[in-house]
Amino acid sequence: MSAGTAARRSRFWLFAPPALLALLVAALAAAWFVIRARTGDALDAFVANESAAGRRWDCPERAIAGFPFRIEVSCARLAIEGPEGALAAGRLRTVTQIYQPRHTIFELDGPFRAASGGVVADGVGLARRTPANQNPGTAPKSGSLIITGIPQNGRVRAAYLVWQTIGGPDVSVVFEGVARTGTLMGGSAQRGCWNVNNGGAYRTYRATIPAAEVPGNGTYAISGVGGTAAGIAGRPDGQGASLIVIYDVPGGAAPTNVHLRFGAMTVRPGGPAMTHSFTGLSMPSRTPPVRALLVGIGDGESFADPAMQFAGAPVSAASAWSGTEGTYWDDARLAIPAGLMPAGTTARANSQGASGDCLTWGYAALMYRP
């Protein structure tokens, strides 16, 4: 009898851990589906409440995914219309970790279409390195992003924080005293321009900032780009950052189109130009009177470089990139001549070459309004 009892006990402890693990997995799966259902119900209730208040939210192809540790809500495009105005944009995606329910990452893609609005931006240089000291041991720099140009009755509809590093990854940033996590938008090689952290790549990150946290014109603080001051190995240097803000104006009759491009490109002197294209453009029957190109360019110094090209024509001055926002970062707004965007235009190429020094590219925004 005692021998049989011992054998049964030994089998119990043999099979108990796998059984408990299976129960834990089943409980986690059940909890995720419950949270998923409640998320869907909460979204439906929100849309219904907004409809009762006279606002219409359109989120076609809505999906809730992310099993087992995340709740990801997405839709093919987002459109909002109400008494205050209207906004249309591209794909919407939000991500929430089930173990961090108060931390949600929002991503909203262009093109954007706002009622009589526009886009403004500002940048700041965050580099610590110098040609004589390419791997400095100082702490990351802090700076300010100064947004101007939003009309008094303008309302912020979307805001993006873009930052670029060199030598290594740094997905985190502090904006207005709050730690943010960015999404890697692209990387490009140093191409011998520097030897930061043994030649590690340039990387561009983007974080969506809730519109309520960028209410309008003002000064916004940024810090924490470029790792820590502890240890050289693996620490990137900051390059620069830009805050891009899209707004509309209530009661405006003329819709504004904004096309955004994020990524990382590098050009060496004499090498092939950095080139990208704006696609999906829809020019009205007459050329829009308001046309602007906003760009974030890194690594610029006081060397001779060619003008930026748009549709094969120069739209900036030569040698325009010299760190006007601080060391190694430029954020510029360029006017687009009417002849470069005639009626019926659906796509336009945008490029930048180099002849005196290396340059990098972090973002571009094209705006046009009838």
Protein backbone atom coordinates (compact mmCIF):
# COMPACT_ATOMS: atom_id res chain seq x y z
CA MET A 1 0.00 0.00 0.00
CA SER A 2 2.73 2.48 0.93
CA ALA A 3 4.71 1.73 -2.24
CA GLY A 4 1.64 2.37 -4.41
CA THR A 5 0.95 5.64 -2.61
CA ALA A 6 4.53 6.80 -3.20
CA ALA A 7 4.28 5.95 -6.90
CA ARG A 8 1.06 7.94 -7.28
CA ARG A 9 2.61 10.95 -5.51
CA SER A 10 5.65 10.87 -7.76
CA ARG A 11 3.44 10.84 -10.86
CA PHE A 12 1.44 13.79 -9.49
CA TRP A 13 4.50 16.01 -9.13
CA LEU A 14 5.67 14.87 -12.55
CA PHE A 15 2.50 15.99 -14.31
CA ALA A 16 1.45 18.87 -12.05
CA PRO A 17 3.75 21.60 -13.53
CA PRO A 18 2.70 20.99 -17.17
CA ALA A 19 -0.93 20.89 -16.09
CA LEU A 20 -0.60 24.18 -14.18
CA LEU A 21 1.14 25.77 -17.16
CA ALA A 22 -1.67 24.62 -19.44
CA LEU A 23 -4.23 26.12 -17.06
CA LEU A 24 -2.28 29.40 -16.97
CA VAL A 25 -2.15 29.57 -20.78
CA ALA A 26 -5.87 28.83 -21.00
CA ALA A 27 -6.63 31.54 -18.43
CA LEU A 28 -4.48 34.06 -20.31
CA ALA A 29 -6.19 33.22 -23.59
CA ALA A 30 -9.63 33.56 -22.01
CA ALA A 31 -8.67 36.89 -20.42
CA TRP A 32 -7.41 38.24 -23.77
CA PHE A 33 -10.66 37.40 -25.54
CA VAL A 34 -12.65 39.01 -22.72
CA ILE A 35 -10.54 42.19 -22.98
CA ARG A 36 -10.89 42.11 -26.77
CA ALA A 37 -14.68 41.92 -26.51
CA ARG A 38 -14.83 44.74 -23.97
CA THR A 39 -12.59 46.88 -26.16
CA GLY A 40 -14.96 46.40 -29.09
CA ASP A 41 -17.96 47.26 -26.91
CA ALA A 42 -16.22 50.39 -25.59
CA LEU A 43 -15.41 51.56 -29.12
CA ASP A 44 -19.00 51.01 -30.25
CA ALA A 45 -20.27 52.98 -27.25
CA PHE A 46 -17.82 55.81 -27.96
CA VAL A 47 -18.92 56.06 -31.60
CA ALA A 48 -22.59 56.03 -30.55
CA ASN A 49 -22.03 58.79 -27.99
CA GLU A 50 -20.15 60.88 -30.54
CA SER A 51 -22.95 60.37 -33.06
CA ALA A 52 -25.46 61.63 -30.50
CA ALA A 53 -23.27 64.72 -30.09
CA GLY A 54 -23.30 65.34 -33.86
CA ARG A 55 -19.90 63.87 -34.71
CA ARG A 56 -19.38 61.02 -37.16
CA TRP A 57 -16.37 58.68 -36.86
CA ASP A 58 -15.67 56.44 -39.83
CA CYS A 59 -13.25 53.54 -39.19
CA PRO A 60 -13.72 50.96 -41.98
CA GLU A 61 -12.19 47.48 -41.74
CA ARG A 62 -11.82 47.82 -38.00
CA ALA A 63 -9.84 44.97 -36.46
CA ILE A 64 -8.80 44.08 -32.92
CA ALA A 65 -5.75 41.82 -32.73
CA GLY A 66 -2.51 41.37 -30.76
CA PHE A 67 -3.05 37.99 -29.04
CA PRO A 68 -1.83 37.14 -26.45
CA PHE A 69 -0.10 40.14 -24.81
CA ARG A 70 -1.36 43.20 -26.73
CA ILE A 71 -4.60 44.80 -27.82
CA GLU A 72 -4.08 46.27 -31.30
CA VAL A 73 -6.91 48.29 -32.82
CA SER A 74 -6.63 49.25 -36.46
CA CYS A 75 -8.73 50.52 -39.35
CA ALA A 76 -7.95 51.08 -43.00
CA ARG A 77 -8.51 54.84 -42.71
CA LEU A 78 -9.97 57.35 -40.29
CA ALA A 79 -12.46 60.12 -40.98
CA ILE A 80 -14.00 62.48 -38.42
CA GLU A 81 -16.76 64.96 -39.24
CA GLY A 82 -18.69 67.21 -36.88
CA PRO A 83 -19.79 70.75 -36.08
CA GLU A 84 -16.18 71.72 -35.36
CA GLY A 85 -14.86 70.62 -38.76
CA ALA A 86 -13.57 67.53 -40.53
CA LEU A 87 -10.39 65.47 -40.77
CA ALA A 88 -9.54 62.51 -42.98
CA ALA A 89 -6.37 60.42 -42.70
CA GLY A 90 -4.89 57.07 -43.63
CA ARG A 91 -4.48 53.91 -41.57
CA LEU A 92 -4.98 54.11 -37.80
CA ARG A 93 -3.26 51.70 -35.40
CA THR A 94 -3.15 51.71 -31.61
CA VAL A 95 -1.19 49.27 -29.44
CA THR A 96 -1.75 48.65 -25.72
CA GLN A 97 0.08 46.04 -23.64
CA ILE A 98 -2.42 44.15 -21.46
CA TYR A 99 -0.02 44.47 -18.52
CA GLN A 100 0.31 48.26 -19.12
CA PRO A 101 -3.28 49.29 -19.89
CA ARG A 102 -2.59 53.00 -19.32
CA HIS A 103 0.20 53.14 -21.92
CA THR A 104 -1.07 53.24 -25.51
CA ILE A 105 0.88 53.96 -28.69
CA PHE A 106 -1.04 55.70 -31.49
CA GLU A 107 -0.01 55.65 -35.15
CA LEU A 108 -1.94 57.59 -37.78
CA ASP A 109 -0.76 57.57 -41.38
CA GLY A 110 -1.31 60.13 -44.12
CA PRO A 111 -2.32 61.51 -46.44
CA PHE A 112 -4.25 63.91 -44.24
CA ARG A 113 -7.12 66.08 -45.37
CA ALA A 114 -8.22 68.83 -42.98
CA ALA A 115 -10.83 71.53 -43.46
CA SER A 116 -8.93 74.73 -44.25
CA GLY A 117 -5.89 73.86 -42.18
CA GLY A 118 -2.20 73.26 -42.65
CA VAL A 119 0.99 71.81 -41.24
CA VAL A 120 3.76 73.48 -39.23
CA ALA A 121 7.00 72.12 -37.78
CA ASP A 122 10.13 72.99 -35.88
CA GLY A 123 13.38 71.14 -35.21
CA VAL A 124 16.31 71.09 -32.79
CA GLY A 125 19.85 69.76 -33.09
CA LEU A 126 20.78 67.12 -30.49
CA ALA A 127 24.27 66.05 -31.58
CA ARG A 128 27.11 66.00 -29.03
CA ARG A 129 29.90 64.77 -31.30
CA THR A 130 32.53 66.84 -33.08
CA PRO A 131 34.96 65.83 -35.82
CA ALA A 132 37.69 65.70 -33.16
CA ASN A 133 35.59 63.70 -30.67
CA GLN A 134 33.15 61.42 -32.45
CA ASN A 135 32.27 59.38 -29.33
CA PRO A 136 31.77 61.95 -26.55
CA GLY A 137 31.14 60.85 -22.99
CA THR A 138 28.73 63.67 -22.18
CA ALA A 139 25.04 63.23 -21.31
CA PRO A 140 22.35 63.48 -24.00
CA LYS A 141 21.41 67.03 -24.96
CA SER A 142 18.03 68.60 -24.31
CA GLY A 143 16.32 71.23 -26.38
CA SER A 144 13.12 73.06 -27.29
CA LEU A 145 10.76 72.76 -30.24
CA ILE A 146 8.99 76.06 -30.92
CA ILE A 147 5.72 75.74 -32.84
CA THR A 148 4.36 78.88 -34.54
CA GLY A 149 1.98 79.58 -37.40
CA ILE A 150 -1.22 77.92 -36.12
CA PRO A 151 -4.07 80.45 -36.39
CA GLN A 152 -5.74 81.60 -33.18
CA ASN A 153 -8.86 79.54 -33.96
CA GLY A 154 -6.87 76.60 -35.35
CA ARG A 155 -7.19 73.17 -33.74
CA VAL A 156 -4.44 70.58 -33.65
CA ARG A 157 -5.55 67.33 -35.28
CA ALA A 158 -2.33 65.29 -35.32
CA ALA A 159 1.22 65.66 -34.04
CA TYR A 160 4.34 63.61 -34.73
CA LEU A 161 7.70 63.70 -33.00
CA VAL A 162 10.56 62.51 -35.22
CA TRP A 163 14.12 61.99 -34.04
CA GLN A 164 17.27 60.63 -35.61
CA THR A 165 20.26 58.88 -34.04
CA ILE A 166 23.66 57.78 -35.31
CA GLY A 167 25.78 54.84 -34.14
CA GLY A 168 23.12 52.75 -32.45
CA PRO A 169 19.42 52.40 -31.63
CA ASP A 170 17.52 54.61 -29.19
CA VAL A 171 13.78 53.99 -29.34
CA SER A 172 13.02 56.20 -26.32
CA VAL A 173 12.66 59.95 -25.92
CA VAL A 174 11.33 62.35 -23.28
CA PHE A 175 8.79 64.87 -24.59
CA GLU A 176 7.30 67.45 -22.23
CA GLY A 177 8.63 65.47 -19.28
CA VAL A 178 6.97 62.20 -20.32
CA ALA A 179 8.90 59.17 -21.60
CA ARG A 180 7.76 58.09 -25.08
CA THR A 181 8.50 55.02 -27.18
CA GLY A 182 8.98 55.50 -30.90
CA THR A 183 8.60 53.31 -33.95
CA LEU A 184 11.64 52.72 -36.15
CA MET A 185 10.82 54.29 -39.53
CA GLY A 186 14.08 53.47 -41.33
CA GLY A 187 17.85 53.18 -41.18
CA SER A 188 20.75 54.10 -43.44
CA ALA A 189 24.52 53.57 -43.35
CA GLN A 190 27.07 56.13 -42.13
CA ARG A 191 28.91 55.51 -45.43
CA GLY A 192 32.20 56.60 -43.89
CA CYS A 193 30.83 60.04 -43.00
CA TRP A 194 31.59 59.43 -39.31
CA ASN A 195 32.92 56.66 -37.10
CA VAL A 196 30.39 56.97 -34.29
CA ASN A 197 30.19 53.73 -32.30
CA ASN A 198 32.21 51.85 -34.94
CA GLY A 199 30.13 53.12 -37.83
CA GLY A 200 26.64 52.14 -36.64
CA ALA A 201 23.71 53.21 -38.80
CA TYR A 202 21.57 56.33 -38.79
CA ARG A 203 18.08 55.55 -37.51
CA THR A 204 14.86 57.58 -37.70
CA TYR A 205 12.10 57.09 -35.12
CA ARG A 206 8.57 58.48 -34.92
CA ALA A 207 6.17 58.83 -32.00
CA THR A 208 2.56 59.97 -32.31
CA ILE A 209 1.83 62.66 -29.73
CA PRO A 210 -1.83 63.01 -28.63
CA ALA A 211 -3.25 66.27 -29.97
CA ALA A 212 -4.30 67.33 -26.47
CA GLU A 213 -0.61 67.41 -25.47
CA VAL A 214 0.25 69.83 -28.29
CA PRO A 215 -2.67 72.27 -28.00
CA GLY A 216 -1.22 74.92 -30.31
CA ASN A 217 1.62 77.39 -30.69
CA GLY A 218 4.19 77.14 -27.93
CA THR A 219 7.50 75.73 -26.74
CA TYR A 220 7.83 71.99 -26.17
CA ALA A 221 10.75 70.32 -24.38
CA ILE A 222 12.62 67.27 -25.66
CA SER A 223 15.48 65.29 -24.10
CA GLY A 224 16.94 61.81 -23.73
CA VAL A 225 17.94 61.16 -27.36
CA GLY A 226 21.28 59.41 -27.69
CA GLY A 227 21.48 56.97 -24.80
CA THR A 228 23.24 57.67 -21.50
CA ALA A 229 26.63 59.00 -20.53
CA ALA A 230 27.70 55.61 -19.10
CA GLY A 231 30.04 53.71 -21.38
CA ILE A 232 31.06 54.36 -24.97
CA ALA A 233 30.29 50.94 -26.45
CA GLY A 234 26.77 50.71 -27.83
CA ARG A 235 25.82 54.31 -27.11
CA PRO A 236 24.38 56.28 -30.03
CA ASP A 237 24.62 60.02 -30.49
CA GLY A 238 21.59 62.16 -31.13
CA GLN A 239 21.28 63.79 -34.53
CA GLY A 240 18.21 65.97 -34.25
CA ALA A 241 14.44 66.00 -33.80
CA SER A 242 11.39 67.68 -35.34
CA LEU A 243 7.81 68.17 -34.18
CA ILE A 244 5.26 68.12 -37.04
CA VAL A 245 1.77 69.44 -36.26
CA ILE A 246 -1.31 69.21 -38.50
CA TYR A 247 -4.22 71.55 -37.75
CA ASP A 248 -7.55 72.64 -39.16
CA VAL A 249 -9.64 75.82 -38.91
CA PRO A 250 -13.37 75.52 -38.06
CA GLY A 251 -15.65 76.83 -40.78
CA GLY A 252 -12.97 76.84 -43.46
CA ALA A 253 -14.25 75.90 -46.88
CA ALA A 254 -11.01 74.92 -48.56
CA PRO A 255 -9.68 71.46 -47.61
CA THR A 256 -5.97 71.02 -46.97
CA ASN A 257 -4.02 67.97 -48.15
CA VAL A 258 -0.91 66.84 -46.27
CA HIS A 259 1.30 63.96 -47.43
CA LEU A 260 3.95 62.72 -44.98
CA ARG A 261 7.09 60.64 -45.58
CA PHE A 262 9.30 59.26 -42.77
CA GLY A 263 12.52 57.26 -43.05
CA ALA A 264 16.30 57.48 -43.21
CA MET A 265 18.56 58.19 -46.19
CA THR A 266 22.24 59.12 -46.43
CA VAL A 267 24.15 60.79 -49.26
CA ARG A 268 27.94 61.17 -49.61
CA PRO A 269 29.61 63.94 -51.61
CA GLY A 270 29.43 62.98 -55.25
CA GLY A 271 27.25 59.94 -54.58
CA PRO A 272 23.71 59.25 -55.82
CA ALA A 273 21.18 61.76 -54.48
CA MET A 274 18.72 60.86 -51.74
CA THR A 275 15.37 60.50 -53.53
CA HIS A 276 11.79 59.69 -52.56
CA SER A 277 8.39 60.30 -54.17
CA PHE A 278 5.09 61.75 -53.03
CA THR A 279 2.37 59.58 -54.53
CA GLY A 280 -1.42 59.64 -54.38
CA LEU A 281 -1.56 63.39 -55.02
CA SER A 282 -4.82 64.87 -56.23
CA MET A 283 -4.41 68.32 -57.72
CA PRO A 284 -7.63 70.32 -58.15
CA SER A 285 -8.64 71.77 -61.48
CA ARG A 286 -6.65 74.89 -60.70
CA THR A 287 -3.20 75.06 -59.14
CA PRO A 288 -3.47 75.39 -55.35
CA PRO A 289 -2.35 78.86 -54.21
CA VAL A 290 -0.88 77.44 -50.99
CA ARG A 291 1.94 74.93 -51.56
CA ALA A 292 4.75 74.06 -49.15
CA LEU A 293 7.38 71.38 -48.56
CA LEU A 294 8.65 70.77 -45.00
CA VAL A 295 11.82 68.71 -44.47
CA GLY A 296 14.12 67.51 -41.69
CA ILE A 297 17.77 67.22 -42.82
CA GLY A 298 20.68 66.02 -40.70
CA ASP A 299 24.49 66.26 -40.74
CA GLY A 300 24.58 69.63 -42.49
CA GLU A 301 27.67 71.82 -42.02
CA SER A 302 29.05 74.95 -43.65
CA PHE A 303 29.98 73.21 -46.91
CA ALA A 304 28.79 73.75 -50.47
CA ASP A 305 25.92 71.44 -51.42
CA PRO A 306 23.40 71.56 -54.28
CA ALA A 307 19.86 72.85 -53.87
CA MET A 308 17.01 70.50 -52.99
CA GLN A 309 15.06 69.34 -56.02
CA PHE A 310 11.30 68.94 -56.40
CA ALA A 311 9.94 67.65 -59.70
CA GLY A 312 13.41 68.21 -61.15
CA ALA A 313 13.65 71.90 -60.21
CA PRO A 314 15.45 73.61 -57.28
CA VAL A 315 13.21 74.64 -54.37
CA SER A 316 15.89 75.62 -51.84
CA ALA A 317 18.99 77.74 -52.02
CA ALA A 318 22.32 76.03 -52.60
CA SER A 319 24.19 75.10 -49.40
CA ALA A 320 20.96 75.39 -47.41
CA TRP A 321 21.82 72.78 -44.78
CA SER A 322 24.24 74.05 -42.15
CA GLY A 323 22.68 73.19 -38.78
CA THR A 324 20.27 76.10 -38.50
CA GLU A 325 18.31 74.34 -35.73
CA GLY A 326 21.44 73.40 -33.79
CA THR A 327 24.41 71.15 -34.47
CA TYR A 328 23.78 68.87 -37.47
CA TRP A 329 20.04 69.47 -37.86
CA ASP A 330 17.90 71.63 -40.17
CA ASP A 331 14.12 71.88 -40.32
CA ALA A 332 12.93 73.98 -43.24
CA ARG A 333 9.72 75.08 -44.91
CA LEU A 334 10.13 75.56 -48.67
CA ALA A 335 7.69 77.22 -51.08
CA ILE A 336 6.76 75.17 -54.17
CA PRO A 337 6.36 77.17 -57.41
CA ALA A 338 2.97 76.84 -59.06
CA GLY A 339 4.43 75.35 -62.22
CA LEU A 340 5.72 72.31 -60.35
CA MET A 341 2.22 71.21 -59.25
CA PRO A 342 -0.16 71.73 -62.19
CA ALA A 343 -3.71 70.39 -62.26
CA GLY A 344 -3.85 66.64 -62.59
CA THR A 345 -0.54 65.97 -60.82
CA THR A 346 -0.57 62.56 -59.08
CA ALA A 347 3.09 62.12 -58.06
CA ARG A 348 6.24 64.19 -57.56
CA ALA A 349 9.87 63.22 -56.90
CA ASN A 350 11.88 65.00 -54.21
CA SER A 351 15.68 64.69 -53.95
CA GLN A 352 18.81 66.08 -52.32
CA GLY A 353 22.41 65.60 -53.42
CA ALA A 354 25.70 66.40 -51.70
CA SER A 355 29.00 67.82 -52.91
CA GLY A 356 30.72 69.20 -49.79
CA ASP A 357 29.62 67.00 -46.90
CA CYS A 358 27.37 64.06 -46.01
CA LEU A 359 23.66 64.63 -45.43
CA THR A 360 20.82 62.55 -43.97
CA TRP A 361 17.05 62.84 -44.40
CA GLY A 362 14.49 62.10 -41.68
CA TYR A 363 11.08 63.33 -42.89
CA ALA A 364 9.26 65.30 -45.59
CA ALA A 365 5.77 66.78 -45.62
CA LEU A 366 3.99 68.14 -48.69
CA MET A 367 1.00 70.45 -48.17
CA TYR A 368 -1.33 72.03 -50.69
CA ARG A 369 -4.59 73.93 -50.22
CA PRO A 370 -6.93 75.48 -52.84
